[in-house]
């Protein structure tokens, strides 16, 4: 237990928590100071006994410039990485859309397919069309070719 002579009376504060909270946050404590906390419960039977807790706060080391610089560097790198990823996604989507447009125009340039007719039908058509071409020649070879004396 702390010595009562070392307690500054102007620092004494009382805080009642009657709303059912099981914890309380105390802010504004000074580094390297001793604080004494007294806690007691209130129930239907009345107040309980005081529980006295003495704690000493520690001095927090100041943040060094290297930690701050490292934090800023990590933040900048994360932002830069985010921008790079967004640009790559945009380029990928644009490339895909150009490829799709090229495929659509290429499809218009393709030769249209025709349904093939069975071979027998096609052969019969050709025979009918070409009957006049293969008629026997009624002329003699002498009429066609000119003889040159040697």
Protein backbone atom coordinates (compact mmCIF):
# COMPACT_ATOMS: atom_id res chain seq x y z
CA UNK A 1 0.00 0.00 0.00
CA UNK A 2 1.25 3.46 -0.83
CA UNK A 3 2.26 5.87 1.88
CA UNK A 4 -0.48 8.46 2.52
CA UNK A 5 2.09 11.25 2.84
CA UNK A 6 3.09 10.90 -0.83
CA UNK A 7 -0.47 11.35 -2.14
CA UNK A 8 -1.30 14.76 -3.55
CA UNK A 9 -4.77 15.66 -2.39
CA UNK A 10 -5.46 17.91 -5.38
CA UNK A 11 -5.14 14.92 -7.71
CA UNK A 12 -7.79 12.88 -5.87
CA UNK A 13 -10.82 12.28 -8.06
CA UNK A 14 -13.87 10.14 -7.56
CA UNK A 15 -15.77 8.52 -10.37
CA UNK A 16 -18.95 6.58 -9.85
CA UNK A 17 -20.04 4.11 -12.50
CA UNK A 18 -23.62 3.11 -11.82
CA UNK A 19 -24.70 2.17 -15.32
CA UNK A 20 -23.58 -1.46 -15.09
CA UNK A 21 -20.24 -1.12 -16.87
CA UNK A 22 -17.59 -3.56 -15.74
CA UNK A 23 -14.71 -1.38 -16.92
CA UNK A 24 -13.76 2.26 -17.11
CA UNK A 25 -11.11 4.05 -19.17
CA UNK A 26 -8.97 6.61 -17.39
CA UNK A 27 -7.22 9.11 -19.64
CA UNK A 28 -4.80 11.96 -19.07
CA UNK A 29 -2.33 10.07 -16.87
CA UNK A 30 1.17 11.52 -16.52
CA UNK A 31 4.26 9.47 -17.39
CA UNK A 32 6.26 7.99 -14.52
CA UNK A 33 3.61 8.76 -11.89
CA UNK A 34 2.06 6.54 -9.25
CA UNK A 35 -1.72 6.20 -9.22
CA UNK A 36 -3.82 4.51 -6.56
CA UNK A 37 -7.19 3.16 -7.57
CA UNK A 38 -9.86 2.15 -5.11
CA UNK A 39 -12.66 -0.12 -6.29
CA UNK A 40 -15.74 -1.36 -4.46
CA UNK A 41 -18.90 -3.01 -5.64
CA UNK A 42 -22.45 -1.96 -4.91
CA UNK A 43 -25.07 -4.69 -4.73
CA UNK A 44 -28.57 -5.10 -3.31
CA UNK A 45 -26.94 -5.71 0.10
CA UNK A 46 -25.10 -2.38 -0.05
CA UNK A 47 -21.49 -1.41 -0.68
CA UNK A 48 -18.72 -3.97 -0.57
CA UNK A 49 -15.19 -3.50 0.75
CA UNK A 50 -12.64 -1.31 -0.98
CA UNK A 51 -9.98 -2.97 -3.11
CA UNK A 52 -6.99 -0.66 -3.41
CA UNK A 53 -4.75 -0.99 -6.46
CA UNK A 54 -1.53 1.00 -6.86
CA UNK A 55 -0.06 1.36 -10.35
CA UNK A 56 2.83 3.33 -11.75
CA UNK A 57 2.75 4.60 -15.30
CA UNK A 58 5.73 4.11 -17.56
CA UNK A 59 7.43 6.60 -19.79
CA UNK A 60 6.71 5.91 -23.43
CA UNK A 61 9.73 6.15 -25.67
CA UNK A 62 9.37 8.84 -28.32
CA UNK A 63 8.86 7.68 -31.87
CA UNK A 64 12.11 7.82 -33.76
CA UNK A 65 12.38 9.51 -37.13
CA UNK A 66 13.31 6.23 -38.79
CA UNK A 67 10.02 4.61 -37.74
CA UNK A 68 8.06 7.59 -39.06
CA UNK A 69 10.04 7.58 -42.32
CA UNK A 70 9.49 3.84 -42.72
CA UNK A 71 5.75 4.26 -42.14
CA UNK A 72 5.55 7.02 -44.75
CA UNK A 73 7.58 4.94 -47.23
CA UNK A 74 5.31 1.91 -46.76
CA UNK A 75 2.24 4.11 -47.28
CA UNK A 76 3.65 5.61 -50.48
CA UNK A 77 4.59 2.17 -51.83
CA UNK A 78 1.10 0.83 -51.09
CA UNK A 79 -0.46 3.77 -52.92
CA UNK A 80 1.89 3.34 -55.88
CA UNK A 81 1.18 -0.39 -56.03
CA UNK A 82 -2.56 0.31 -56.03
CA UNK A 83 -2.20 2.75 -58.94
CA UNK A 84 -0.09 0.25 -60.93
CA UNK A 85 -2.65 -2.52 -60.40
CA UNK A 86 -5.50 -0.25 -61.50
CA UNK A 87 -3.60 0.80 -64.66
CA UNK A 88 -2.85 -2.84 -65.54
CA UNK A 89 -6.48 -3.84 -65.07
CA UNK A 90 -7.59 -0.92 -67.29
CA UNK A 91 -5.10 -1.89 -70.03
CA UNK A 92 -6.18 -5.54 -69.85
CA UNK A 93 -9.86 -4.64 -70.20
CA UNK A 94 -9.11 -2.25 -73.07
CA UNK A 95 -7.03 -4.88 -74.87
CA UNK A 96 -9.81 -7.44 -74.48
CA UNK A 97 -12.40 -5.02 -75.87
CA UNK A 98 -10.20 -4.20 -78.91
CA UNK A 99 -9.68 -7.91 -79.52
CA UNK A 100 -13.44 -8.48 -79.39
CA UNK A 101 -14.05 -5.62 -81.87
CA UNK A 102 -11.43 -7.07 -84.24
CA UNK A 103 -13.09 -10.48 -84.06
CA UNK A 104 -16.47 -8.96 -84.88
CA UNK A 105 -15.14 -7.15 -87.97
CA UNK A 106 -13.23 -10.24 -89.04
CA UNK A 107 -16.40 -12.29 -88.79
CA UNK A 108 -18.04 -9.91 -91.29
CA UNK A 109 -15.16 -10.47 -93.76
CA UNK A 110 -15.37 -14.26 -93.66
CA UNK A 111 -16.71 -16.14 -96.67
CA UNK A 112 -20.14 -17.46 -95.96
CA UNK A 113 -20.51 -21.21 -95.93
CA UNK A 114 -22.88 -22.95 -98.32
CA UNK A 115 -24.65 -26.21 -97.83
CA UNK A 116 -23.09 -28.88 -100.00
CA UNK A 117 -25.31 -30.85 -102.34
CA UNK A 118 -24.86 -34.60 -102.51
CA UNK A 119 -22.28 -35.68 -105.10
CA UNK A 120 -24.67 -37.64 -107.33
CA UNK A 121 -27.00 -34.66 -107.80
CA UNK A 122 -24.09 -32.35 -108.55
CA UNK A 123 -22.61 -34.81 -111.06
CA UNK A 124 -25.94 -35.16 -112.85
CA UNK A 125 -26.25 -31.35 -113.16
CA UNK A 126 -22.77 -31.04 -114.61
CA UNK A 127 -23.40 -33.79 -117.12
CA UNK A 128 -26.56 -32.06 -118.36
CA UNK A 129 -24.81 -28.69 -118.64
CA UNK A 130 -21.76 -30.04 -120.42
CA UNK A 131 -23.48 -32.33 -122.94
CA UNK A 132 -22.97 -29.89 -125.77
CA UNK A 133 -19.30 -29.42 -125.00
CA UNK A 134 -18.36 -33.04 -125.57
CA UNK A 135 -20.28 -33.61 -128.82
CA UNK A 136 -18.35 -35.40 -131.52
CA UNK A 137 -16.54 -33.13 -133.84
CA UNK A 138 -18.00 -33.33 -137.40
CA UNK A 139 -15.10 -31.66 -139.15
CA UNK A 140 -12.02 -33.34 -140.45
CA UNK A 141 -8.59 -32.53 -139.07
CA UNK A 142 -7.62 -31.14 -142.47
CA UNK A 143 -10.23 -28.39 -142.09
CA UNK A 144 -8.89 -27.42 -138.69
CA UNK A 145 -5.17 -27.54 -139.38
CA UNK A 146 -3.43 -25.80 -142.24
CA UNK A 147 -0.74 -27.77 -144.00
CA UNK A 148 2.51 -25.94 -144.62
CA UNK A 149 4.68 -27.38 -147.39
CA UNK A 150 8.19 -28.18 -146.40
